PDB file of N, CA and C in Angstrom:
ATOM      1  N   MET A   1      73.944   2.912  55.058  1.00  0.00           N
ATOM      2  CA  MET A   1      72.398   3.014  55.648  1.00  0.00           C
ATOM      3  C   MET A   1      72.487   1.760  56.126  1.00  0.00           C
ATOM      4  N   ASN A   2      71.283   1.486  57.087  1.00  0.00           N
ATOM      5  CA  ASN A   2      71.561   0.191  58.137  1.00  0.00           C
ATOM      6  C   ASN A   2      70.340  -0.656  57.494  1.00  0.00           C
ATOM      7  N   LYS A   3      70.650  -1.751  56.988  1.00  0.00           N
ATOM      8  CA  LYS A   3      69.250  -2.695  56.862  1.00  0.00           C
ATOM      9  C   LYS A   3      68.471  -3.296  58.141  1.00  0.00           C
ATOM     10  N   PRO A   4      66.912  -3.085  58.367  1.00  0.00           N
ATOM     11  CA  PRO A   4      66.288  -3.372  59.147  1.00  0.00           C
ATOM     12  C   PRO A   4      66.746  -4.862  59.498  1.00  0.00           C
ATOM     13  N   HIS A   5      67.293  -5.302  60.881  1.00  0.00           N
ATOM     14  CA  HIS A   5      67.564  -6.548  61.092  1.00  0.00           C
ATOM     15  C   HIS A   5      66.354  -7.337  61.202  1.00  0.00           C
ATOM     16  N   GLN A   6      66.204  -8.735  60.711  1.00  0.00           N
ATOM     17  CA  GLN A   6      65.493  -9.504  60.180  1.00  0.00           C
ATOM     18  C   GLN A   6      65.866 -10.742  61.270  1.00  0.00           C
ATOM     19  N   GLN A   7      64.468 -10.961  61.604  1.00  0.00           N
ATOM     20  CA  GLN A   7      64.758 -12.035  62.286  1.00  0.00           C
ATOM     21  C   GLN A   7      64.382 -13.505  61.772  1.00  0.00           C
ATOM     22  N   GLN A   8      64.959 -14.489  61.951  1.00  0.00           N
ATOM     23  CA  GLN A   8      64.960 -16.093  61.697  1.00  0.00           C
ATOM     24  C   GLN A   8      63.868 -16.867  62.301  1.00  0.00           C
ATOM     25  N   ILE A   9      62.661 -17.185  62.133  1.00  0.00           N
ATOM     26  CA  ILE A   9      61.938 -18.294  62.241  1.00  0.00           C
ATOM     27  C   ILE A   9      62.386 -19.571  62.346  1.00  0.00           C
ATOM     28  N   LYS A  10      62.219 -20.274  63.905  1.00  0.00           N
ATOM     29  CA  LYS A  10      62.550 -21.562  63.460  1.00  0.00           C
ATOM     30  C   LYS A  10      61.204 -22.307  63.330  1.00  0.00           C
ATOM     31  N   VAL A  11      61.441 -23.239  62.290  1.00  0.00           N
ATOM     32  CA  VAL A  11      60.151 -23.732  62.078  1.00  0.00           C
ATOM     33  C   VAL A  11      60.025 -25.015  62.480  1.00  0.00           C
ATOM     34  N   GLN A  12      59.159 -25.530  63.596  1.00  0.00           N
ATOM     35  CA  GLN A  12      59.423 -26.903  63.530  1.00  0.00           C
ATOM     36  C   GLN A  12      58.550 -28.328  63.139  1.00  0.00           C
ATOM     37  N   LEU A  13      58.731 -29.350  62.050  1.00  0.00           N
ATOM     38  CA  LEU A  13      58.173 -30.254  61.226  1.00  0.00           C
ATOM     39  C   LEU A  13      58.094 -31.754  62.215  1.00  0.00           C
ATOM     40  N   ASP A  14      57.113 -32.229  62.533  1.00  0.00           N
ATOM     41  CA  ASP A  14      56.746 -33.229  63.182  1.00  0.00           C
ATOM     42  C   ASP A  14      56.867 -34.191  62.262  1.00  0.00           C
ATOM     43  N   ASP A  15      56.860 -35.839  62.686  1.00  0.00           N
ATOM     44  CA  ASP A  15      57.045 -37.050  62.022  1.00  0.00           C
ATOM     45  C   ASP A  15      56.182 -36.601  61.212  1.00  0.00           C
ATOM     46  N   LYS A  16      54.814 -36.509  61.514  1.00  0.00           N
ATOM     47  CA  LYS A  16      53.436 -36.483  61.007  1.00  0.00           C
ATOM     48  C   LYS A  16      53.172 -35.881  59.907  1.00  0.00           C
ATOM     49  N   GLU A  17      53.711 -34.440  59.876  1.00  0.00           N
ATOM     50  CA  GLU A  17      53.234 -33.440  58.758  1.00  0.00           C
ATOM     51  C   GLU A  17      54.485 -33.671  57.883  1.00  0.00           C
ATOM     52  N   ALA A  18      55.678 -34.262  58.085  1.00  0.00           N
ATOM     53  CA  ALA A  18      56.773 -34.400  57.217  1.00  0.00           C
ATOM     54  C   ALA A  18      56.179 -35.218  56.043  1.00  0.00           C
ATOM     55  N   GLU A  19      55.589 -36.309  56.749  1.00  0.00           N
ATOM     56  CA  GLU A  19      55.294 -37.383  55.722  1.00  0.00           C
ATOM     57  C   GLU A  19      54.314 -36.936  54.081  1.00  0.00           C
ATOM     58  N   GLY A  20      53.607 -35.609  55.109  1.00  0.00           N
ATOM     59  CA  GLY A  20      52.647 -35.258  53.641  1.00  0.00           C
ATOM     60  C   GLY A  20      51.442 -35.940  53.357  1.00  0.00           C
ATOM     61  N   ILE A  21      50.588 -35.232  52.529  1.00  0.00           N
ATOM     62  CA  ILE A  21      49.462 -35.849  51.960  1.00  0.00           C
ATOM     63  C   ILE A  21      49.523 -35.971  50.626  1.00  0.00           C
ATOM     64  N   TYR A  22      48.401 -36.426  49.525  1.00  0.00           N
ATOM     65  CA  TYR A  22      48.596 -36.149  48.285  1.00  0.00           C
ATOM     66  C   TYR A  22      47.367 -35.543  48.039  1.00  0.00           C
ATOM     67  N   THR A  23      47.565 -34.866  47.359  1.00  0.00           N
ATOM     68  CA  THR A  23      45.851 -33.743  47.137  1.00  0.00           C
ATOM     69  C   THR A  23      45.900 -33.651  45.226  1.00  0.00           C
ATOM     70  N   ASN A  24      44.658 -34.386  44.778  1.00  0.00           N
ATOM     71  CA  ASN A  24      45.015 -33.981  43.440  1.00  0.00           C
ATOM     72  C   ASN A  24      43.504 -32.551  43.351  1.00  0.00           C
ATOM     73  N   LEU A  25      42.975 -31.946  44.399  1.00  0.00           N
ATOM     74  CA  LEU A  25      41.814 -31.012  44.345  1.00  0.00           C
ATOM     75  C   LEU A  25      42.009 -30.150  45.420  1.00  0.00           C
ATOM     76  N   ALA A  26      41.745 -28.700  44.406  1.00  0.00           N
ATOM     77  CA  ALA A  26      41.856 -27.641  45.620  1.00  0.00           C
ATOM     78  C   ALA A  26      40.886 -26.944  45.559  1.00  0.00           C
ATOM     79  N   MET A  27      40.275 -26.725  46.481  1.00  0.00           N
ATOM     80  CA  MET A  27      38.747 -25.441  46.047  1.00  0.00           C
ATOM     81  C   MET A  27      38.904 -24.192  47.208  1.00  0.00           C
ATOM     82  N   ILE A  28      39.033 -23.064  46.599  1.00  0.00           N
ATOM     83  CA  ILE A  28      39.546 -22.216  47.145  1.00  0.00           C
ATOM     84  C   ILE A  28      37.785 -21.204  47.513  1.00  0.00           C
ATOM     85  N   ASN A  29      38.097 -20.573  48.578  1.00  0.00           N
ATOM     86  CA  ASN A  29      36.608 -19.757  48.876  1.00  0.00           C
ATOM     87  C   ASN A  29      37.104 -18.704  49.584  1.00  0.00           C
ATOM     88  N   HIS A  30      36.778 -17.237  49.610  1.00  0.00           N
ATOM     89  CA  HIS A  30      37.286 -16.408  50.496  1.00  0.00           C
ATOM     90  C   HIS A  30      35.835 -15.104  50.728  1.00  0.00           C
ATOM     91  N   ASN A  31      36.308 -14.466  51.533  1.00  0.00           N
ATOM     92  CA  ASN A  31      35.627 -13.545  52.183  1.00  0.00           C
ATOM     93  C   ASN A  31      36.367 -12.416  52.605  1.00  0.00           C
ATOM     94  N   PRO A  32      35.768 -11.383  52.866  1.00  0.00           N
ATOM     95  CA  PRO A  32      36.942 -10.151  52.951  1.00  0.00           C
ATOM     96  C   PRO A  32      38.059 -10.180  53.945  1.00  0.00           C
ATOM     97  N   SER A  33      37.834 -10.888  55.081  1.00  0.00           N
ATOM     98  CA  SER A  33      39.206 -11.310  55.665  1.00  0.00           C
ATOM     99  C   SER A  33      39.830 -12.220  55.657  1.00  0.00           C
ATOM    100  N   GLU A  34      39.430 -13.716  54.740  1.00  0.00           N
ATOM    101  CA  GLU A  34      40.365 -14.588  55.071  1.00  0.00           C
ATOM    102  C   GLU A  34      40.034 -15.325  53.806  1.00  0.00           C
ATOM    103  N   VAL A  35      40.999 -16.215  53.273  1.00  0.00           N
ATOM    104  CA  VAL A  35      40.984 -16.851  52.049  1.00  0.00           C
ATOM    105  C   VAL A  35      41.422 -18.197  52.486  1.00  0.00           C
ATOM    106  N   ILE A  36      40.095 -19.206  51.883  1.00  0.00           N
ATOM    107  CA  ILE A  36      39.911 -20.581  52.792  1.00  0.00           C
ATOM    108  C   ILE A  36      40.549 -21.217  51.540  1.00  0.00           C
ATOM    109  N   ILE A  37      41.378 -22.570  51.685  1.00  0.00           N
ATOM    110  CA  ILE A  37      41.715 -23.246  50.936  1.00  0.00           C
ATOM    111  C   ILE A  37      41.735 -24.974  51.036  1.00  0.00           C
ATOM    112  N   ASP A  38      40.746 -25.305  50.704  1.00  0.00           N
ATOM    113  CA  ASP A  38      40.579 -27.320  51.162  1.00  0.00           C
ATOM    114  C   ASP A  38      41.364 -27.995  49.973  1.00  0.00           C
ATOM    115  N   PHE A  39      42.245 -28.660  50.481  1.00  0.00           N
ATOM    116  CA  PHE A  39      42.715 -29.649  49.944  1.00  0.00           C
ATOM    117  C   PHE A  39      41.828 -30.959  49.772  1.00  0.00           C
ATOM    118  N   ALA A  40      42.068 -31.615  48.881  1.00  0.00           N
ATOM    119  CA  ALA A  40      41.225 -33.211  49.218  1.00  0.00           C
ATOM    120  C   ALA A  40      41.877 -33.725  48.027  1.00  0.00           C
ATOM    121  N   ARG A  41      41.079 -34.908  48.055  1.00  0.00           N
ATOM    122  CA  ARG A  41      41.818 -36.188  46.857  1.00  0.00           C
ATOM    123  C   ARG A  41      40.349 -37.077  46.032  1.00  0.00           C
ATOM    124  N   VAL A  42      40.811 -37.100  44.994  1.00  0.00           N
ATOM    125  CA  VAL A  42      39.880 -38.007  44.330  1.00  0.00           C
ATOM    126  C   VAL A  42      40.544 -38.888  43.534  1.00  0.00           C
ATOM    127  N   MET A  43      40.168 -40.073  43.995  1.00  0.00           N
ATOM    128  CA  MET A  43      40.332 -41.248  43.312  1.00  0.00           C
ATOM    129  C   MET A  43      39.452 -42.096  42.238  1.00  0.00           C
ATOM    130  N   PRO A  44      40.105 -42.249  41.219  1.00  0.00           N
ATOM    131  CA  PRO A  44      38.941 -43.109  39.921  1.00  0.00           C
ATOM    132  C   PRO A  44      38.400 -43.933  41.180  1.00  0.00           C
ATOM    133  N   PRO A  45      37.419 -44.936  40.668  1.00  0.00           N
ATOM    134  CA  PRO A  45      36.344 -44.471  39.647  1.00  0.00           C
ATOM    135  C   PRO A  45      35.352 -43.466  40.574  1.00  0.00           C
ATOM    136  N   THR A  46      35.740 -43.348  41.530  1.00  0.00           N
ATOM    137  CA  THR A  46      34.497 -42.751  41.983  1.00  0.00           C
ATOM    138  C   THR A  46      34.703 -40.732  42.004  1.00  0.00           C
ATOM    139  N   LEU A  47      33.417 -40.648  42.259  1.00  0.00           N
ATOM    140  CA  LEU A  47      33.158 -38.992  42.218  1.00  0.00           C
ATOM    141  C   LEU A  47      33.332 -38.357  43.458  1.00  0.00           C
ATOM    142  N   LYS A  48      33.577 -39.019  44.298  1.00  0.00           N
ATOM    143  CA  LYS A  48      33.774 -38.566  45.955  1.00  0.00           C
ATOM    144  C   LYS A  48      35.003 -37.986  46.477  1.00  0.00           C
ATOM    145  N   ALA A  49      35.125 -36.881  46.563  1.00  0.00           N
ATOM    146  CA  ALA A  49      36.545 -35.989  47.186  1.00  0.00           C
ATOM    147  C   ALA A  49      36.346 -35.847  48.524  1.00  0.00           C
ATOM    148  N   ARG A  50      36.996 -36.396  49.440  1.00  0.00           N
ATOM    149  CA  ARG A  50      37.352 -36.275  50.862  1.00  0.00           C
ATOM    150  C   ARG A  50      38.353 -34.719  50.986  1.00  0.00           C
ATOM    151  N   VAL A  51      37.911 -34.367  51.591  1.00  0.00           N
ATOM    152  CA  VAL A  51      38.984 -33.016  52.434  1.00  0.00           C
ATOM    153  C   VAL A  51      39.953 -33.413  53.015  1.00  0.00           C
ATOM    154  N   LEU A  52      41.185 -33.370  53.187  1.00  0.00           N
ATOM    155  CA  LEU A  52      42.432 -33.632  53.914  1.00  0.00           C
ATOM    156  C   LEU A  52      42.746 -32.737  54.668  1.00  0.00           C
ATOM    157  N   SER A  53      42.506 -31.519  54.285  1.00  0.00           N
ATOM    158  CA  SER A  53      43.384 -30.505  55.144  1.00  0.00           C
ATOM    159  C   SER A  53      42.694 -29.276  54.964  1.00  0.00           C
ATOM    160  N   ARG A  54      42.550 -28.165  55.578  1.00  0.00           N
ATOM    161  CA  ARG A  54      42.163 -26.722  55.413  1.00  0.00           C
ATOM    162  C   ARG A  54      43.289 -25.687  55.733  1.00  0.00           C
ATOM    163  N   VAL A  55      43.516 -25.118  54.517  1.00  0.00           N
ATOM    164  CA  VAL A  55      44.233 -24.071  54.932  1.00  0.00           C
ATOM    165  C   VAL A  55      43.764 -22.547  55.346  1.00  0.00           C
ATOM    166  N   ILE A  56      42.982 -21.738  56.278  1.00  0.00           N
ATOM    167  CA  ILE A  56      43.079 -20.550  56.430  1.00  0.00           C
ATOM    168  C   ILE A  56      44.121 -19.073  56.157  1.00  0.00           C
ATOM    169  N   MET A  57      43.892 -18.128  55.411  1.00  0.00           N
ATOM    170  CA  MET A  57      45.010 -17.023  55.994  1.00  0.00           C
ATOM    171  C   MET A  57      44.494 -15.796  55.314  1.00  0.00           C
ATOM    172  N   THR A  58      44.967 -15.107  55.397  1.00  0.00           N
ATOM    173  CA  THR A  58      44.943 -13.758  55.196  1.00  0.00           C
ATOM    174  C   THR A  58      44.949 -13.476  53.672  1.00  0.00           C
ATOM    175  N   PRO A  59      44.031 -12.292  53.306  1.00  0.00           N
ATOM    176  CA  PRO A  59      44.407 -12.462  51.359  1.00  0.00           C
ATOM    177  C   PRO A  59      46.000 -11.872  51.633  1.00  0.00           C
ATOM    178  N   MET A  60      46.474 -11.248  52.345  1.00  0.00           N
ATOM    179  CA  MET A  60      47.853 -10.725  51.907  1.00  0.00           C
ATOM    180  C   MET A  60      48.688 -11.916  51.962  1.00  0.00           C
ATOM    181  N   HIS A  61      48.424 -12.897  53.049  1.00  0.00           N
ATOM    182  CA  HIS A  61      49.416 -14.306  53.066  1.00  0.00           C
ATOM    183  C   HIS A  61      48.796 -14.713  51.577  1.00  0.00           C
ATOM    184  N   ALA A  62      47.898 -15.149  51.562  1.00  0.00           N
ATOM    185  CA  ALA A  62      47.335 -15.877  50.011  1.00  0.00           C
ATOM    186  C   ALA A  62      48.178 -15.263  48.782  1.00  0.00           C
ATOM    187  N   LYS A  63      48.260 -13.831  48.477  1.00  0.00           N
ATOM    188  CA  LYS A  63      48.887 -13.002  47.421  1.00  0.00           C
ATOM    189  C   LYS A  63      50.490 -13.161  47.957  1.00  0.00           C
ATOM    190  N   LEU A  64      51.098 -13.581  48.896  1.00  0.00           N
ATOM    191  CA  LEU A  64      52.449 -13.659  48.891  1.00  0.00           C
ATOM    192  C   LEU A  64      52.429 -15.343  48.636  1.00  0.00           C
ATOM    193  N   LEU A  65      51.740 -16.085  48.996  1.00  0.00           N
ATOM    194  CA  LEU A  65      51.943 -17.605  48.808  1.00  0.00           C
ATOM    195  C   LEU A  65      52.171 -17.835  47.478  1.00  0.00           C
ATOM    196  N   HIS A  66      50.390 -17.090  46.529  1.00  0.00           N
ATOM    197  CA  HIS A  66      50.545 -17.091  45.296  1.00  0.00           C
ATOM    198  C   HIS A  66      52.005 -16.517  44.311  1.00  0.00           C
ATOM    199  N   LYS A  67      52.573 -15.432  44.618  1.00  0.00           N
ATOM    200  CA  LYS A  67      54.028 -14.692  44.030  1.00  0.00           C
ATOM    201  C   LYS A  67      54.945 -15.606  44.471  1.00  0.00           C
ATOM    202  N   ILE A  68      55.291 -16.549  45.835  1.00  0.00           N
ATOM    203  CA  ILE A  68      56.234 -17.249  45.794  1.00  0.00           C
ATOM    204  C   ILE A  68      55.982 -18.653  45.531  1.00  0.00           C
ATOM    205  N   LEU A  69      54.628 -19.157  44.979  1.00  0.00           N
ATOM    206  CA  LEU A  69      54.426 -20.445  44.518  1.00  0.00           C
ATOM    207  C   LEU A  69      54.915 -19.825  42.747  1.00  0.00           C
ATOM    208  N   THR A  70      55.302 -18.836  42.434  1.00  0.00           N
ATOM    209  CA  THR A  70      55.039 -18.618  40.938  1.00  0.00           C
ATOM    210  C   THR A  70      55.902 -18.588  41.046  1.00  0.00           C
ATOM    211  N   GLU A  71      57.223 -18.205  41.466  1.00  0.00           N
ATOM    212  CA  GLU A  71      58.383 -17.827  41.317  1.00  0.00           C
ATOM    213  C   GLU A  71      59.185 -19.426  41.671  1.00  0.00           C
ATOM    214  N   ASN A  72      58.342 -20.269  42.206  1.00  0.00           N
ATOM    215  CA  ASN A  72      59.053 -21.550  42.517  1.00  0.00           C
ATOM    216  C   ASN A  72      58.905 -22.407  41.213  1.00  0.00           C
ATOM    217  N   LEU A  73      57.718 -22.053  40.598  1.00  0.00           N
ATOM    218  CA  LEU A  73      57.333 -23.430  39.777  1.00  0.00           C
ATOM    219  C   LEU A  73      57.980 -22.699  38.435  1.00  0.00           C
ATOM    220  N   GLU A  74      58.558 -20.821  38.326  1.00  0.00           N
ATOM    221  CA  GLU A  74      58.954 -20.652  37.207  1.00  0.00           C
ATOM    222  C   GLU A  74      60.526 -21.563  37.434  1.00  0.00           C
ATOM    223  N   LYS A  75      61.025 -21.297  38.447  1.00  0.00           N
ATOM    224  CA  LYS A  75      62.682 -22.031  38.900  1.00  0.00           C
ATOM    225  C   LYS A  75      62.492 -23.493  38.584  1.00  0.00           C
ATOM    226  N   PHE A  76      61.466 -24.153  38.757  1.00  0.00           N
ATOM    227  CA  PHE A  76      61.375 -25.810  38.386  1.00  0.00           C
ATOM    228  C   PHE A  76      61.205 -25.699  37.268  1.00  0.00           C
ATOM    229  N   GLU A  77      60.800 -25.255  36.308  1.00  0.00           N
ATOM    230  CA  GLU A  77      60.021 -25.144  34.890  1.00  0.00           C
ATOM    231  C   GLU A  77      61.608 -24.912  33.977  1.00  0.00           C
ATOM    232  N   LYS A  78      62.352 -23.893  34.388  1.00  0.00           N
ATOM    233  CA  LYS A  78      63.672 -23.448  34.401  1.00  0.00           C
ATOM    234  C   LYS A  78      65.056 -24.715  34.120  1.00  0.00           C
ATOM    235  N   LYS A  79      64.659 -25.002  35.320  1.00  0.00           N
ATOM    236  CA  LYS A  79      65.539 -26.572  35.655  1.00  0.00           C
ATOM    237  C   LYS A  79      65.078 -27.695  34.887  1.00  0.00           C
ATOM    238  N   PHE A  80      64.045 -28.090  34.980  1.00  0.00           N
ATOM    239  CA  PHE A  80      63.351 -29.441  34.567  1.00  0.00           C
ATOM    240  C   PHE A  80      62.513 -29.061  33.383  1.00  0.00           C
ATOM    241  N   GLY A  81      62.269 -28.088  32.817  1.00  0.00           N
ATOM    242  CA  GLY A  81      61.371 -28.291  31.480  1.00  0.00           C
ATOM    243  C   GLY A  81      59.764 -27.622  31.827  1.00  0.00           C
ATOM    244  N   GLU A  82      59.263 -27.140  30.878  1.00  0.00           N
ATOM    245  CA  GLU A  82      57.691 -26.951  30.935  1.00  0.00           C
ATOM    246  C   GLU A  82      56.638 -27.932  31.663  1.00  0.00           C
ATOM    247  N   ILE A  83      55.888 -27.106  32.795  1.00  0.00           N
ATOM    248  CA  ILE A  83      54.886 -28.434  33.344  1.00  0.00           C
ATOM    249  C   ILE A  83      53.703 -28.510  32.549  1.00  0.00           C
ATOM    250  N   LYS A  84      53.980 -29.286  32.015  1.00  0.00           N
ATOM    251  CA  LYS A  84      52.592 -29.630  30.823  1.00  0.00           C
ATOM    252  C   LYS A  84      50.858 -30.382  31.630  1.00  0.00           C
ATOM    253  N   ILE A  85      50.082 -29.861  31.355  1.00  0.00           N
ATOM    254  CA  ILE A  85      48.816 -30.458  31.329  1.00  0.00           C
ATOM    255  C   ILE A  85      48.240 -31.326  30.390  1.00  0.00           C
ATOM    256  N   HIS A  86      48.142 -33.028  30.554  1.00  0.00           N
ATOM    257  CA  HIS A  86      47.682 -33.612  29.670  1.00  0.00           C
ATOM    258  C   HIS A  86      46.158 -33.509  29.999  1.00  0.00           C
ATOM    259  N   GLY A  87      45.496 -33.603  28.255  1.00  0.00           N
ATOM    260  CA  GLY A  87      44.387 -34.354  28.328  1.00  0.00           C
ATOM    261  C   GLY A  87      43.480 -33.330  28.680  1.00  0.00           C
ATOM    262  N   LEU A  88      43.668 -32.274  28.851  1.00  0.00           N
ATOM    263  CA  LEU A  88      42.348 -31.111  28.965  1.00  0.00           C
ATOM    264  C   LEU A  88      42.793 -29.624  27.983  1.00  0.00           C
ATOM    265  N   PRO A  89      41.540 -29.695  27.344  1.00  0.00           N
ATOM    266  CA  PRO A  89      41.570 -28.339  26.365  1.00  0.00           C
ATOM    267  C   PRO A  89      42.336 -27.222  26.999  1.00  0.00           C
ATOM    268  N   GLU A  90      42.908 -26.377  26.466  1.00  0.00           N
ATOM    269  CA  GLU A  90      44.102 -25.291  27.586  1.00  0.00           C
ATOM    270  C   GLU A  90      43.278 -24.293  28.204  1.00  0.00           C
ATOM    271  N   HIS A  91      41.989 -23.938  27.476  1.00  0.00           N
ATOM    272  CA  HIS A  91      40.995 -22.976  28.655  1.00  0.00           C
ATOM    273  C   HIS A  91      40.863 -23.688  30.069  1.00  0.00           C
ATOM    274  N   ALA A  92      40.003 -24.818  29.731  1.00  0.00           N
ATOM    275  CA  ALA A  92      40.349 -25.702  31.154  1.00  0.00           C
ATOM    276  C   ALA A  92      40.968 -26.242  31.967  1.00  0.00           C
ATOM    277  N   ALA A  93      42.281 -25.800  31.787  1.00  0.00           N
ATOM    278  CA  ALA A  93      43.379 -25.865  32.506  1.00  0.00           C
ATOM    279  C   ALA A  93      43.517 -25.124  33.667  1.00  0.00           C
ATOM    280  N   LYS A  94      43.312 -23.640  33.282  1.00  0.00           N
ATOM    281  CA  LYS A  94      43.103 -22.745  34.254  1.00  0.00           C
ATOM    282  C   LYS A  94      42.108 -23.005  35.434  1.00  0.00           C
ATOM    283  N   THR A  95      40.919 -24.014  35.307  1.00  0.00           N
ATOM    284  CA  THR A  95      40.330 -23.625  36.321  1.00  0.00           C
ATOM    285  C   THR A  95      39.510 -25.158  36.601  1.00  0.00           C
ATOM    286  N   ILE A  96      40.875 -26.286  36.461  1.00  0.00           N
ATOM    287  CA  ILE A  96      39.894 -27.658  36.777  1.00  0.00           C
ATOM    288  C   ILE A  96      40.339 -26.955  38.410  1.00  0.00           C
ATOM    289  N   GLY A  97      39.174 -27.808  39.209  1.00  0.00           N
ATOM    290  CA  GLY A  97      39.755 -28.300  40.424  1.00  0.00           C
ATOM    291  C   GLY A  97      39.286 -26.870  41.487  1.00  0.00           C
ATOM    292  N   PHE A  98      39.752 -25.655  40.787  1.00  0.00           N
ATOM    293  CA  PHE A  98      39.418 -24.083  41.750  1.00  0.00           C
ATOM    294  C   PHE A  98      38.212 -23.874  41.769  1.00  0.00           C
ATOM    295  N   GLU A  99      37.405 -23.256  42.937  1.00  0.00           N
ATOM    296  CA  GLU A  99      36.386 -22.580  42.456  1.00  0.00           C
ATOM    297  C   GLU A  99      36.237 -21.655  43.408  1.00  0.00           C
ATOM    298  N   ALA A 100      35.520 -20.712  42.894  1.00  0.00           N
ATOM    299  CA  ALA A 100      35.839 -19.349  43.591  1.00  0.00           C
ATOM    300  C   ALA A 100      34.074 -19.297  44.399  1.00  0.00           C
ATOM    301  N   SER A 101      34.514 -18.232  45.787  1.00  0.00           N
ATOM    302  CA  SER A 101      33.377 -18.402  46.868  1.00  0.00           C
ATOM    303  C   SER A 101      31.988 -18.056  46.166  1.00  0.00           C
ATOM    304  N   ASN A 102      31.702 -17.542  45.201  1.00  0.00           N
ATOM    305  CA  ASN A 102      30.298 -17.006  44.683  1.00  0.00           C
ATOM    306  C   ASN A 102      30.242 -17.809  43.913  1.00  0.00           C
ATOM    307  N   GLY A 103      30.356 -19.145  43.455  1.00  0.00           N
ATOM    308  CA  GLY A 103      30.306 -20.083  42.626  1.00  0.00           C
ATOM    309  C   GLY A 103      30.561 -20.272  41.145  1.00  0.00           C
ATOM    310  N   SER A 104      31.205 -19.215  40.930  1.00  0.00           N
ATOM    311  CA  SER A 104      31.984 -18.994  39.445  1.00  0.00           C
ATOM    312  C   SER A 104      33.098 -19.196  39.390  1.00  0.00           C
ATOM    313  N   LYS A 105      33.861 -19.698  38.580  1.00  0.00           N
ATOM    314  CA  LYS A 105      35.075 -20.136  37.612  1.00  0.00           C
ATOM    315  C   LYS A 105      35.823 -18.631  37.995  1.00  0.00           C
ATOM    316  N   GLU A 106      36.939 -18.916  38.242  1.00  0.00           N
ATOM    317  CA  GLU A 106      38.011 -17.804  37.830  1.00  0.00           C
ATOM    318  C   GLU A 106      38.954 -18.077  37.363  1.00  0.00           C
ATOM    319  N   GLU A 107      39.197 -17.765  35.835  1.00  0.00           N
ATOM    320  CA  GLU A 107      40.169 -17.729  34.817  1.00  0.00           C
ATOM    321  C   GLU A 107      41.773 -16.564  35.211  1.00  0.00           C
ATOM    322  N   ASP A 108      41.557 -15.986  36.193  1.00  0.00           N
ATOM    323  CA  ASP A 108      42.764 -15.170  36.585  1.00  0.00           C
ATOM    324  C   ASP A 108      43.766 -15.362  37.760  1.00  0.00           C
ATOM    325  N   GLN A 109      43.889 -16.812  38.254  1.00  0.00           N
ATOM    326  CA  GLN A 109      43.972 -17.051  39.132  1.00  0.00           C
ATOM    327  C   GLN A 109      45.368 -18.174  38.554  1.00  0.00           C
TER     328      GLN A 109
END
């Protein structure tokens, strides 16, 4: 059986994007055709956050991102140990910084 030919995508990374940005807050909204993720930074002592980047993708691409992020975090923890979330009750760690578009917190993500 012949496998379908896979094309390689050449990704360009310019200097500015290669520097990256630091973010410690993500807000997620969605509609039937898009998932929108706003990455922001909150710096104590203020309670103001500034959105630094907005990523808009299809629900299918969001699900693929979720899958590959989960796989990579599992690999990271296997190599370096469990990632612990300090200073929060266990149930709060699932929702901190993430909001659903209808205003309710989603704990299943």
